[in-house]
Amino acid sequence: MDGLLCARANRQARGVAGVQRFDRYVLSQLMVLFGFFALVLVSVYWVNRAVVLFDRLISDGHSALVVLEFTALSLPAVIALVLPMATFAAAVYVTNRLTDDSELTVMKATGYSPIRLARPFWVFGGLVTLMMLVLTNVLVPQSLQQLRLREQELSGSISAALLREGTFLHPTRGITFYIRDITPSGELRDVMLSDRRQERRETTYTSEQAYLVRDDEGPKMVMLAGLAQTMVAGPEGPRLSTTNFSEFTYDLSSLMATGKRRSRKSDAIPTLELLRYPDAVTEENGDTAGEIAEEAHMRIQGPLLCIVAALIGVSALMVGGFSRFGVTKQIVFAIFLLVLVKVVESAVTPVVVASAAFWPLLYLPTLVGSGFAAGLLWQAARPFRPRRRPVQEAGA
């Protein structure tokens, strides 16, 4: 009797160890495929973003290093955008491969239900959710804040705004600036500056040589051996006066962006600050309480969709039987369920923006998606029951 109990215990232990190995095997496959899909999707989105930044920044006279810095700062937001899609793709791909290789069939034959076999997908979705929480609540706000600070610094950069050869620039309304050539030593050759900011008065400065300097009062341009022409519109008609100068200093601070600190946008403010001090945020940037609540809670709701995506991906493929045509129908059905989840999210977001008191509705998509996954797993766990044939009457 003791030997029989020991043998049964050993079989159970081997069975548990086998399922644990199966969980680790599935989880490793999920992480590998997740990394592949995430890399592909991030590359596609990031390249598109980099092309737009490259065109805008290079045309403004910035260097390639500035473009690289800006694309790197935009990377966390791109990663947070594609991780749910990569999670769903990995779950669908791994489940499909396990089904084609009959590995899920073998595990079901040993007595394990689809709910139990979906455990590595739970763990996988939880790990991705943790990564997403770090991204949406820490890295993305910090990167966006640093990105806007750098944009503000570059908007006041003299070199980016004025130091461009052979181009007529308009750094501000009523100002036209032109440089024919810039020497390696920083000397500006053949400079023209037209100032039309005063009504009925236009002054044009031309100089053979000029230098840009900066002091405590701001940036200035020192012109050498030049001419100032002033056109004044009077009652008797326009009047022109000219002045030759050997050295003239022009204040450029009015042409540059002031260093005034701009108010932070809600997407660059830490989550705890949004939740604890919404009134202060409203006073700072003018966003409504609903917009602040939506921004804060979506940083939590968004990562939760990773678990939903993983569970819908596995449950939709488990519920279908074997078909020689593959699992195309199940994959389309899973995508349809995810679309429904996003439709629910789109429906509740305007309600929360209109009134912050309805912020719990933002978590409704997670509940709806979890309900879809639970229902599909329950359907897949139901044993096959053949239809009963009607009992023929005696003598029929």
Protein backbone atom coordinates (compact mmCIF):
# COMPACT_ATOMS: atom_id res chain seq x y z
CA MET A 1 0.00 0.00 0.00
CA ASP A 2 2.82 2.37 0.90
CA GLY A 3 4.57 1.55 -2.35
CA LEU A 4 1.41 2.34 -4.30
CA LEU A 5 1.07 5.71 -2.55
CA CYS A 6 4.71 6.50 -3.19
CA ALA A 7 4.36 5.63 -6.85
CA ARG A 8 1.28 7.83 -7.16
CA ALA A 9 3.08 10.67 -5.41
CA ASN A 10 6.05 10.29 -7.75
CA ARG A 11 3.77 10.39 -10.81
CA GLN A 12 2.09 13.51 -9.49
CA ALA A 13 5.43 15.16 -8.79
CA ARG A 14 6.65 14.31 -12.29
CA GLY A 15 3.41 15.70 -13.72
CA VAL A 16 3.77 18.96 -11.81
CA ALA A 17 7.41 19.26 -12.83
CA GLY A 18 6.44 18.61 -16.45
CA VAL A 19 3.78 21.32 -16.44
CA GLN A 20 6.20 23.76 -14.83
CA ARG A 21 8.72 23.01 -17.56
CA PHE A 22 5.98 23.54 -20.11
CA ASP A 23 5.16 26.92 -18.51
CA ARG A 24 8.79 27.99 -18.65
CA TYR A 25 9.05 26.80 -22.25
CA VAL A 26 5.95 28.73 -23.34
CA LEU A 27 7.03 31.83 -21.39
CA SER A 28 10.46 31.78 -23.02
CA GLN A 29 8.86 31.49 -26.46
CA LEU A 30 6.54 34.39 -25.67
CA MET A 31 9.36 36.65 -24.54
CA VAL A 32 11.48 35.86 -27.61
CA LEU A 33 8.63 36.52 -30.04
CA PHE A 34 7.57 39.59 -28.06
CA GLY A 35 11.07 41.03 -28.38
CA PHE A 36 11.06 40.37 -32.12
CA PHE A 37 7.66 41.96 -32.77
CA ALA A 38 8.43 44.89 -30.47
CA LEU A 39 11.71 45.54 -32.28
CA VAL A 40 10.04 45.49 -35.69
CA LEU A 41 7.14 47.74 -34.67
CA VAL A 42 9.34 50.19 -32.77
CA SER A 43 11.68 50.40 -35.76
CA VAL A 44 8.82 51.20 -38.13
CA TYR A 45 7.28 53.87 -35.90
CA TRP A 46 10.63 55.32 -34.86
CA VAL A 47 11.92 55.60 -38.42
CA ASN A 48 8.78 57.48 -39.44
CA ARG A 49 9.21 59.79 -36.47
CA ALA A 50 12.91 60.27 -37.22
CA VAL A 51 12.21 61.22 -40.84
CA VAL A 52 9.81 63.97 -39.75
CA LEU A 53 12.25 65.28 -37.14
CA PHE A 54 15.17 65.11 -39.57
CA ASP A 55 13.32 67.13 -42.17
CA ARG A 56 12.18 69.76 -39.67
CA LEU A 57 15.40 70.15 -37.66
CA ILE A 58 17.86 69.98 -40.53
CA SER A 59 15.84 72.55 -42.46
CA ASP A 60 16.07 74.81 -39.41
CA GLY A 61 19.86 74.58 -39.45
CA HIS A 62 20.44 72.09 -36.63
CA SER A 63 23.07 69.37 -36.68
CA ALA A 64 22.58 65.62 -36.99
CA LEU A 65 23.44 65.21 -33.31
CA VAL A 66 20.42 67.32 -32.39
CA VAL A 67 18.24 65.13 -34.60
CA LEU A 68 19.61 62.01 -32.90
CA GLU A 69 18.95 63.51 -29.47
CA PHE A 70 15.35 64.37 -30.35
CA THR A 71 14.63 60.94 -31.82
CA ALA A 72 16.09 59.29 -28.71
CA LEU A 73 13.88 61.40 -26.45
CA SER A 74 10.81 60.39 -28.48
CA LEU A 75 11.66 56.67 -28.24
CA PRO A 76 9.94 55.90 -24.87
CA ALA A 77 6.60 57.18 -26.15
CA VAL A 78 6.96 55.07 -29.30
CA ILE A 79 7.77 51.95 -27.25
CA ALA A 80 4.75 52.51 -25.01
CA LEU A 81 2.58 52.79 -28.12
CA VAL A 82 3.61 49.49 -29.72
CA LEU A 83 4.02 47.17 -26.70
CA PRO A 84 0.32 46.13 -26.53
CA MET A 85 0.38 45.25 -30.23
CA ALA A 86 3.60 43.26 -29.79
CA THR A 87 2.05 41.43 -26.82
CA PHE A 88 -0.99 40.38 -28.85
CA ALA A 89 1.11 39.32 -31.83
CA ALA A 90 3.42 37.19 -29.65
CA ALA A 91 0.48 35.49 -27.88
CA VAL A 92 -1.24 34.64 -31.18
CA TYR A 93 1.93 33.40 -32.85
CA VAL A 94 3.01 31.17 -29.96
CA THR A 95 -0.46 29.70 -29.49
CA ASN A 96 -0.72 28.96 -33.19
CA ARG A 97 2.66 27.24 -33.21
CA LEU A 98 1.84 25.17 -30.12
CA THR A 99 -1.39 24.09 -31.79
CA ASP A 100 0.31 23.17 -35.08
CA ASP A 101 2.94 21.12 -33.24
CA SER A 102 0.19 19.35 -31.22
CA GLU A 103 1.85 20.42 -27.97
CA LEU A 104 -1.37 21.92 -26.62
CA THR A 105 -3.24 18.78 -27.63
CA VAL A 106 -0.81 16.61 -25.67
CA MET A 107 -1.10 18.81 -22.58
CA LYS A 108 -4.89 18.74 -22.78
CA ALA A 109 -4.78 14.94 -23.07
CA THR A 110 -2.90 14.76 -19.76
CA GLY A 111 -5.89 16.38 -18.03
CA TYR A 112 -4.93 20.06 -17.90
CA SER A 113 -7.64 22.55 -18.78
CA PRO A 114 -7.20 25.51 -21.14
CA ILE A 115 -7.48 27.82 -18.11
CA ARG A 116 -4.45 26.12 -16.56
CA LEU A 117 -2.55 26.11 -19.85
CA ALA A 118 -3.12 29.86 -20.17
CA ARG A 119 -1.11 30.55 -17.01
CA PRO A 120 2.17 31.39 -18.80
CA PHE A 121 0.21 33.91 -20.86
CA TRP A 122 -1.00 35.50 -17.61
CA VAL A 123 2.58 35.75 -16.41
CA PHE A 124 3.73 37.08 -19.76
CA GLY A 125 1.03 39.76 -19.80
CA GLY A 126 1.89 40.72 -16.22
CA LEU A 127 5.57 41.18 -17.06
CA VAL A 128 4.79 43.37 -20.05
CA THR A 129 2.33 45.35 -17.93
CA LEU A 130 5.04 46.08 -15.37
CA MET A 131 7.33 47.31 -18.14
CA MET A 132 4.55 49.47 -19.50
CA LEU A 133 3.81 50.96 -16.08
CA VAL A 134 7.43 52.04 -15.76
CA LEU A 135 7.33 53.52 -19.25
CA THR A 136 4.03 55.41 -19.00
CA ASN A 137 4.52 56.69 -15.44
CA VAL A 138 8.27 57.40 -15.33
CA LEU A 139 10.17 57.36 -18.61
CA VAL A 140 7.61 58.87 -20.99
CA PRO A 141 6.78 61.97 -18.84
CA GLN A 142 10.46 62.64 -18.19
CA SER A 143 11.42 62.24 -21.85
CA LEU A 144 8.60 64.51 -23.02
CA GLN A 145 9.54 67.17 -20.48
CA GLN A 146 13.19 67.05 -21.53
CA LEU A 147 12.16 67.12 -25.19
CA ARG A 148 10.14 70.30 -24.71
CA LEU A 149 12.95 71.94 -22.76
CA ARG A 150 15.35 71.23 -25.60
CA GLU A 151 12.83 72.58 -28.12
CA GLN A 152 12.61 75.77 -26.07
CA GLU A 153 16.39 76.08 -25.95
CA LEU A 154 16.73 75.55 -29.68
CA SER A 155 14.02 78.07 -30.44
CA GLY A 156 16.27 80.70 -28.87
CA SER A 157 19.47 79.53 -30.52
CA ILE A 158 21.24 82.21 -32.54
CA SER A 159 23.23 79.76 -34.63
CA ALA A 160 20.12 77.81 -35.68
CA ALA A 161 18.03 80.91 -36.37
CA LEU A 162 20.52 83.19 -38.15
CA LEU A 163 23.72 81.43 -39.21
CA ARG A 164 22.67 80.06 -42.57
CA GLU A 165 24.51 80.96 -45.72
CA GLY A 166 22.85 82.24 -48.87
CA THR A 167 19.31 82.25 -47.49
CA PHE A 168 16.95 85.09 -46.73
CA LEU A 169 15.71 84.44 -43.20
CA HIS A 170 12.75 85.92 -41.34
CA PRO A 171 13.41 85.21 -37.64
CA THR A 172 10.51 87.43 -36.58
CA ARG A 173 7.83 89.60 -38.16
CA GLY A 174 9.28 92.63 -39.98
CA ILE A 175 12.89 91.35 -40.00
CA THR A 176 14.82 90.01 -42.99
CA PHE A 177 18.36 88.72 -42.54
CA TYR A 178 20.89 87.51 -45.11
CA ILE A 179 24.50 86.25 -44.96
CA ARG A 180 26.44 85.48 -48.11
CA ASP A 181 29.23 83.48 -46.48
CA ILE A 182 30.50 82.33 -43.06
CA THR A 183 34.23 81.72 -42.67
CA PRO A 184 35.65 78.89 -40.51
CA SER A 185 36.71 81.51 -37.95
CA GLY A 186 33.09 82.68 -37.49
CA GLU A 187 33.31 85.85 -39.55
CA LEU A 188 30.14 86.81 -41.42
CA ARG A 189 30.67 88.16 -44.94
CA ASP A 190 28.28 90.51 -46.81
CA VAL A 191 25.52 90.82 -44.25
CA MET A 192 22.14 92.47 -44.84
CA LEU A 193 19.56 93.19 -42.12
CA SER A 194 16.23 94.87 -42.89
CA ASP A 195 14.15 96.13 -39.94
CA ARG A 196 10.53 97.06 -40.76
CA ARG A 197 8.99 96.68 -37.31
CA GLN A 198 8.30 100.40 -36.89
CA GLU A 199 5.32 101.77 -38.76
CA ARG A 200 6.19 104.00 -41.74
CA ARG A 201 9.92 103.44 -41.12
CA GLU A 202 12.33 100.92 -42.64
CA THR A 203 16.03 100.64 -41.86
CA THR A 204 18.40 98.45 -43.86
CA TYR A 205 21.89 97.66 -42.57
CA THR A 206 24.56 96.28 -44.89
CA SER A 207 28.06 95.34 -43.91
CA GLU A 208 31.07 93.65 -45.45
CA GLN A 209 32.04 92.00 -42.17
CA ALA A 210 30.15 91.11 -39.00
CA TYR A 211 30.50 88.99 -35.87
CA LEU A 212 27.98 87.48 -33.46
CA VAL A 213 28.81 88.03 -29.78
CA ARG A 214 27.01 87.40 -26.53
CA ASP A 215 27.16 89.38 -23.29
CA ASP A 216 25.11 89.61 -20.10
CA GLU A 217 22.34 91.52 -21.86
CA GLY A 218 21.94 88.98 -24.65
CA PRO A 219 23.19 88.26 -28.18
CA LYS A 220 24.44 91.06 -30.40
CA MET A 221 25.83 91.47 -33.90
CA VAL A 222 28.81 93.74 -34.48
CA MET A 223 28.95 95.10 -38.06
CA LEU A 224 32.13 96.55 -39.55
CA ALA A 225 32.50 98.93 -42.50
CA GLY A 226 28.84 99.16 -43.35
CA LEU A 227 25.96 101.39 -44.37
CA ALA A 228 22.61 102.15 -42.71
CA GLN A 229 19.75 103.30 -44.97
CA THR A 230 16.58 104.63 -43.36
CA MET A 231 13.39 105.16 -45.32
CA VAL A 232 10.75 107.30 -43.53
CA ALA A 233 7.29 107.86 -44.99
CA GLY A 234 6.22 111.47 -44.35
CA PRO A 235 3.41 113.76 -45.49
CA GLU A 236 5.57 115.02 -48.36
CA GLY A 237 6.50 111.49 -49.45
CA PRO A 238 9.21 108.98 -48.48
CA ARG A 239 12.54 110.36 -47.38
CA LEU A 240 15.80 108.41 -47.49
CA SER A 241 18.81 109.04 -45.27
CA THR A 242 22.09 107.10 -45.30
CA THR A 243 24.81 106.74 -42.70
CA ASN A 244 28.22 105.16 -43.14
CA PHE A 245 29.70 103.50 -40.08
CA SER A 246 32.97 101.80 -39.28
CA GLU A 247 31.47 99.79 -36.40
CA PHE A 248 27.85 99.28 -35.39
CA THR A 249 26.30 96.97 -32.76
CA TYR A 250 22.79 95.60 -33.32
CA ASP A 251 20.88 93.98 -30.43
CA LEU A 252 19.54 90.56 -31.47
CA SER A 253 17.80 89.68 -28.20
CA SER A 254 14.46 90.89 -29.57
CA LEU A 255 14.78 88.41 -32.44
CA MET A 256 15.40 85.42 -30.23
CA ALA A 257 12.91 83.56 -28.06
CA THR A 258 13.00 84.75 -24.49
CA GLY A 259 14.18 82.25 -21.93
CA LYS A 260 10.86 82.34 -20.14
CA ARG A 261 9.89 78.96 -18.80
CA ARG A 262 6.79 77.55 -20.41
CA SER A 263 4.08 75.80 -18.47
CA ARG A 264 4.30 72.02 -18.43
CA LYS A 265 1.79 69.99 -20.37
CA SER A 266 -0.12 67.28 -18.56
CA ASP A 267 1.59 64.45 -20.44
CA ALA A 268 4.97 65.58 -19.05
CA ILE A 269 3.86 65.87 -15.40
CA PRO A 270 4.43 62.93 -12.97
CA THR A 271 1.41 60.73 -12.33
CA LEU A 272 1.36 61.28 -8.56
CA GLU A 273 1.31 65.01 -9.08
CA LEU A 274 -1.62 64.70 -11.48
CA LEU A 275 -3.57 62.60 -8.98
CA ARG A 276 -2.74 64.57 -5.82
CA TYR A 277 -2.69 68.16 -7.10
CA PRO A 278 -5.07 68.43 -10.07
CA ASP A 279 -6.04 72.00 -9.12
CA ALA A 280 -2.42 73.14 -9.25
CA VAL A 281 -1.95 71.49 -12.65
CA THR A 282 -5.10 73.20 -13.93
CA GLU A 283 -3.76 76.55 -12.77
CA GLU A 284 -0.40 75.88 -14.43
CA ASN A 285 -1.42 74.78 -17.91
CA GLY A 286 -5.17 75.41 -18.14
CA ASP A 287 -6.24 71.77 -18.62
CA THR A 288 -9.60 70.81 -17.15
CA ALA A 289 -9.99 68.39 -14.26
CA GLY A 290 -11.38 65.79 -16.65
CA GLU A 291 -8.39 66.04 -18.98
CA ILE A 292 -6.01 65.67 -16.05
CA ALA A 293 -7.90 62.64 -14.69
CA GLU A 294 -7.94 61.04 -18.14
CA GLU A 295 -4.19 61.56 -18.57
CA ALA A 296 -3.35 60.14 -15.12
CA HIS A 297 -5.56 57.06 -15.22
CA MET A 298 -4.78 56.17 -18.83
CA ARG A 299 -1.17 55.71 -17.73
CA ILE A 300 -2.46 52.80 -15.64
CA GLN A 301 -5.26 51.61 -17.90
CA GLY A 302 -3.01 51.43 -20.97
CA PRO A 303 -0.55 48.92 -19.44
CA LEU A 304 -3.43 46.74 -18.21
CA LEU A 305 -4.46 46.23 -21.83
CA CYS A 306 -1.27 44.19 -22.30
CA ILE A 307 -2.72 41.42 -20.09
CA VAL A 308 -6.02 41.68 -21.95
CA ALA A 309 -4.26 41.44 -25.33
CA ALA A 310 -2.29 38.35 -24.28
CA LEU A 311 -5.36 36.55 -22.86
CA ILE A 312 -7.59 37.35 -25.84
CA GLY A 313 -4.87 36.13 -28.18
CA VAL A 314 -4.56 32.74 -26.49
CA SER A 315 -8.21 32.20 -25.61
CA ALA A 316 -9.54 32.99 -29.10
CA LEU A 317 -7.23 30.37 -30.63
CA MET A 318 -7.96 27.76 -27.95
CA VAL A 319 -11.70 27.93 -28.39
CA GLY A 320 -11.58 26.87 -32.03
CA GLY A 321 -11.33 23.25 -33.09
CA PHE A 322 -8.94 21.73 -35.59
CA SER A 323 -9.31 22.97 -39.14
CA ARG A 324 -7.28 22.14 -42.21
CA PHE A 325 -7.62 25.81 -43.21
CA GLY A 326 -5.67 26.96 -40.15
CA VAL A 327 -6.68 29.47 -37.49
CA THR A 328 -7.35 32.48 -39.69
CA LYS A 329 -10.92 32.79 -38.45
CA GLN A 330 -9.83 32.70 -34.81
CA ILE A 331 -7.16 35.36 -35.40
CA VAL A 332 -9.67 37.64 -37.14
CA PHE A 333 -12.08 37.03 -34.27
CA ALA A 334 -9.40 37.96 -31.72
CA ILE A 335 -8.62 41.17 -33.62
CA PHE A 336 -12.35 41.95 -33.69
CA LEU A 337 -12.52 41.58 -29.90
CA LEU A 338 -9.56 43.93 -29.46
CA VAL A 339 -11.28 46.45 -31.72
CA LEU A 340 -14.36 46.23 -29.51
CA VAL A 341 -12.19 46.91 -26.46
CA LYS A 342 -10.75 50.02 -28.14
CA VAL A 343 -14.26 51.12 -29.12
CA VAL A 344 -15.28 50.95 -25.46
CA GLU A 345 -12.19 52.98 -24.58
CA SER A 346 -13.07 55.61 -27.20
CA ALA A 347 -16.62 55.78 -25.86
CA VAL A 348 -15.73 56.34 -22.19
CA THR A 349 -12.85 58.80 -22.72
CA PRO A 350 -15.05 61.81 -23.69
CA VAL A 351 -17.27 61.13 -20.67
CA VAL A 352 -14.29 61.34 -18.29
CA VAL A 353 -12.90 64.43 -20.04
CA ALA A 354 -16.27 66.13 -19.55
CA SER A 355 -16.46 65.17 -15.87
CA ALA A 356 -13.54 63.90 -13.77
CA ALA A 357 -15.96 62.19 -11.35
CA PHE A 358 -16.45 59.39 -13.91
CA TRP A 359 -12.77 58.36 -13.96
CA PRO A 360 -13.56 54.70 -12.98
CA LEU A 361 -15.10 54.30 -16.44
CA LEU A 362 -11.60 54.44 -17.91
CA TYR A 363 -11.00 50.92 -16.56
CA LEU A 364 -14.10 49.55 -18.29
CA PRO A 365 -12.12 48.40 -21.40
CA THR A 366 -9.94 46.19 -19.18
CA LEU A 367 -13.02 44.67 -17.55
CA VAL A 368 -14.71 44.10 -20.91
CA GLY A 369 -11.57 42.53 -22.41
CA SER A 370 -11.06 40.33 -19.35
CA GLY A 371 -14.69 39.22 -19.66
CA PHE A 372 -14.13 38.25 -23.29
CA ALA A 373 -11.03 36.22 -22.38
CA ALA A 374 -12.72 34.53 -19.41
CA GLY A 375 -15.72 33.57 -21.50
CA LEU A 376 -13.57 32.12 -24.27
CA LEU A 377 -11.44 30.10 -21.82
CA TRP A 378 -14.57 28.78 -20.14
CA GLN A 379 -15.95 27.78 -23.53
CA ALA A 380 -12.67 26.06 -24.42
CA ALA A 381 -12.65 24.18 -21.08
CA ARG A 382 -16.11 22.66 -21.61
CA PRO A 383 -15.85 18.92 -22.37
CA PHE A 384 -17.08 17.68 -25.69
CA ARG A 385 -20.62 16.39 -25.39
CA PRO A 386 -21.99 14.51 -28.38
CA ARG A 387 -25.55 15.21 -29.32
CA ARG A 388 -28.10 12.68 -28.14
CA ARG A 389 -30.00 10.88 -30.81
CA PRO A 390 -33.75 10.79 -30.32
CA VAL A 391 -34.95 7.47 -28.89
CA GLN A 392 -36.98 5.58 -31.46
CA GLU A 393 -40.36 4.38 -30.29
CA ALA A 394 -40.87 0.67 -29.93
CA GLY A 395 -42.20 -0.94 -33.01
CA ALA A 396 -41.23 1.97 -35.23
